[in-house]
């Protein structure tokens, strides 16, 4: 049995719970069976840590092995697919 590409990647979703794009990306990751961390950007410490790591403070942001993917849900899903996620 061959391992999925995302099994070897660390995937972290940073979003606010009220962000519809964040909800859509989270749902897509779940539907694809992609294990991921889910961080709440409404927590000031989480938001500050993200800005310090990648200089981005918008919602949602997905980090794939530390590489930031952002934009609308559709843009992120397209980019995640190109990275071999999902």
C-alpha atoms as a PDB file:
ATOM      1  CA  UNK A   1       0.000   0.000   0.000  1.00  0.00           C
ATOM      2  CA  UNK A   2       1.409   3.347  -1.030  1.00  0.00           C
ATOM      3  CA  UNK A   3       1.341   6.253   1.466  1.00  0.00           C
ATOM      4  CA  UNK A   4      -0.434   9.438   0.493  1.00  0.00           C
ATOM      5  CA  UNK A   5       1.759  12.466  -0.173  1.00  0.00           C
ATOM      6  CA  UNK A   6       0.070  14.442   2.611  1.00  0.00           C
ATOM      7  CA  UNK A   7       0.937  11.701   5.134  1.00  0.00           C
ATOM      8  CA  UNK A   8       4.540  12.910   4.962  1.00  0.00           C
ATOM      9  CA  UNK A   9       3.596  16.604   5.146  1.00  0.00           C
ATOM     10  CA  UNK A  10       2.673  18.711   8.151  1.00  0.00           C
ATOM     11  CA  UNK A  11      -0.549  20.600   7.393  1.00  0.00           C
ATOM     12  CA  UNK A  12      -1.796  23.377   9.677  1.00  0.00           C
ATOM     13  CA  UNK A  13      -4.925  25.464   9.112  1.00  0.00           C
ATOM     14  CA  UNK A  14      -5.107  28.924  10.686  1.00  0.00           C
ATOM     15  CA  UNK A  15      -8.568  30.489  10.624  1.00  0.00           C
ATOM     16  CA  UNK A  16     -11.248  32.253  12.569  1.00  0.00           C
ATOM     17  CA  UNK A  17     -14.380  30.226  13.222  1.00  0.00           C
ATOM     18  CA  UNK A  18     -16.552  32.903  11.554  1.00  0.00           C
ATOM     19  CA  UNK A  19     -14.574  32.902   8.280  1.00  0.00           C
ATOM     20  CA  UNK A  20     -16.559  31.099   5.581  1.00  0.00           C
ATOM     21  CA  UNK A  21     -13.453  30.495   3.442  1.00  0.00           C
ATOM     22  CA  UNK A  22     -11.779  28.949   6.492  1.00  0.00           C
ATOM     23  CA  UNK A  23     -14.799  26.729   7.083  1.00  0.00           C
ATOM     24  CA  UNK A  24     -14.733  25.594   3.450  1.00  0.00           C
ATOM     25  CA  UNK A  25     -11.004  24.811   3.523  1.00  0.00           C
ATOM     26  CA  UNK A  26     -11.407  22.924   6.824  1.00  0.00           C
ATOM     27  CA  UNK A  27     -14.305  20.924   5.395  1.00  0.00           C
ATOM     28  CA  UNK A  28     -12.358  20.133   2.212  1.00  0.00           C
ATOM     29  CA  UNK A  29      -9.325  18.946   4.229  1.00  0.00           C
ATOM     30  CA  UNK A  30     -11.605  16.770   6.374  1.00  0.00           C
ATOM     31  CA  UNK A  31     -13.377  15.330   3.315  1.00  0.00           C
ATOM     32  CA  UNK A  32     -10.010  14.479   1.751  1.00  0.00           C
ATOM     33  CA  UNK A  33      -8.918  12.718   4.940  1.00  0.00           C
ATOM     34  CA  UNK A  34      -5.991  15.093   5.427  1.00  0.00           C
ATOM     35  CA  UNK A  35      -4.744  15.131   9.015  1.00  0.00           C
ATOM     36  CA  UNK A  36      -4.169  18.754  10.002  1.00  0.00           C
ATOM     37  CA  UNK A  37      -3.882  21.089  12.924  1.00  0.00           C
ATOM     38  CA  UNK A  38      -6.664  23.667  13.258  1.00  0.00           C
ATOM     39  CA  UNK A  39      -5.578  26.901  14.909  1.00  0.00           C
ATOM     40  CA  UNK A  40      -7.966  29.688  15.935  1.00  0.00           C
ATOM     41  CA  UNK A  41      -6.730  33.118  14.811  1.00  0.00           C
ATOM     42  CA  UNK A  42      -9.131  34.848  17.206  1.00  0.00           C
ATOM     43  CA  UNK A  43      -6.616  33.845  19.904  1.00  0.00           C
ATOM     44  CA  UNK A  44      -4.129  36.760  19.982  1.00  0.00           C
ATOM     45  CA  UNK A  45      -1.196  34.451  20.760  1.00  0.00           C
ATOM     46  CA  UNK A  46      -1.983  32.196  17.790  1.00  0.00           C
ATOM     47  CA  UNK A  47      -2.401  35.204  15.500  1.00  0.00           C
ATOM     48  CA  UNK A  48       0.877  36.758  16.666  1.00  0.00           C
ATOM     49  CA  UNK A  49       2.735  33.455  16.235  1.00  0.00           C
ATOM     50  CA  UNK A  50       1.459  33.096  12.655  1.00  0.00           C
ATOM     51  CA  UNK A  51       2.444  36.666  11.761  1.00  0.00           C
ATOM     52  CA  UNK A  52       5.885  36.073  13.226  1.00  0.00           C
ATOM     53  CA  UNK A  53       6.359  32.810  11.273  1.00  0.00           C
ATOM     54  CA  UNK A  54       5.117  33.875   7.848  1.00  0.00           C
ATOM     55  CA  UNK A  55       4.323  37.609   8.062  1.00  0.00           C
ATOM     56  CA  UNK A  56       0.653  36.915   7.240  1.00  0.00           C
ATOM     57  CA  UNK A  57      -2.264  37.592   9.565  1.00  0.00           C
ATOM     58  CA  UNK A  58      -5.260  36.999   7.328  1.00  0.00           C
ATOM     59  CA  UNK A  59      -7.757  34.163   7.541  1.00  0.00           C
ATOM     60  CA  UNK A  60      -7.513  31.460   6.394  1.00  0.00           C
ATOM     61  CA  UNK A  61      -3.916  30.408   5.924  1.00  0.00           C
ATOM     62  CA  UNK A  62      -2.734  26.833   5.464  1.00  0.00           C
ATOM     63  CA  UNK A  63       0.858  25.965   6.242  1.00  0.00           C
ATOM     64  CA  UNK A  64       2.213  22.934   4.429  1.00  0.00           C
ATOM     65  CA  UNK A  65       5.581  22.054   5.924  1.00  0.00           C
ATOM     66  CA  UNK A  66       5.859  25.729   6.884  1.00  0.00           C
ATOM     67  CA  UNK A  67       4.989  27.014   3.398  1.00  0.00           C
ATOM     68  CA  UNK A  68       2.045  29.441   3.486  1.00  0.00           C
ATOM     69  CA  UNK A  69      -0.976  29.040   1.214  1.00  0.00           C
ATOM     70  CA  UNK A  70      -3.608  31.785   1.380  1.00  0.00           C
ATOM     71  CA  UNK A  71      -6.430  33.337  -0.610  1.00  0.00           C
ATOM     72  CA  UNK A  72     -10.047  32.381  -1.148  1.00  0.00           C
ATOM     73  CA  UNK A  73     -11.116  28.807  -0.411  1.00  0.00           C
ATOM     74  CA  UNK A  74     -11.106  27.997  -4.125  1.00  0.00           C
ATOM     75  CA  UNK A  75      -7.598  29.423  -4.589  1.00  0.00           C
ATOM     76  CA  UNK A  76      -6.255  27.551  -1.580  1.00  0.00           C
ATOM     77  CA  UNK A  77      -7.798  24.243  -2.575  1.00  0.00           C
ATOM     78  CA  UNK A  78      -6.343  24.589  -6.073  1.00  0.00           C
ATOM     79  CA  UNK A  79      -2.891  25.359  -4.630  1.00  0.00           C
ATOM     80  CA  UNK A  80      -3.122  22.527  -2.097  1.00  0.00           C
ATOM     81  CA  UNK A  81      -3.941  20.080  -4.900  1.00  0.00           C
ATOM     82  CA  UNK A  82      -0.852  21.267  -6.796  1.00  0.00           C
ATOM     83  CA  UNK A  83       1.201  20.506  -3.675  1.00  0.00           C
ATOM     84  CA  UNK A  84      -0.161  16.957  -3.670  1.00  0.00           C
ATOM     85  CA  UNK A  85      -2.676  17.474  -0.860  1.00  0.00           C
ATOM     86  CA  UNK A  86      -6.100  15.864  -1.251  1.00  0.00           C
END
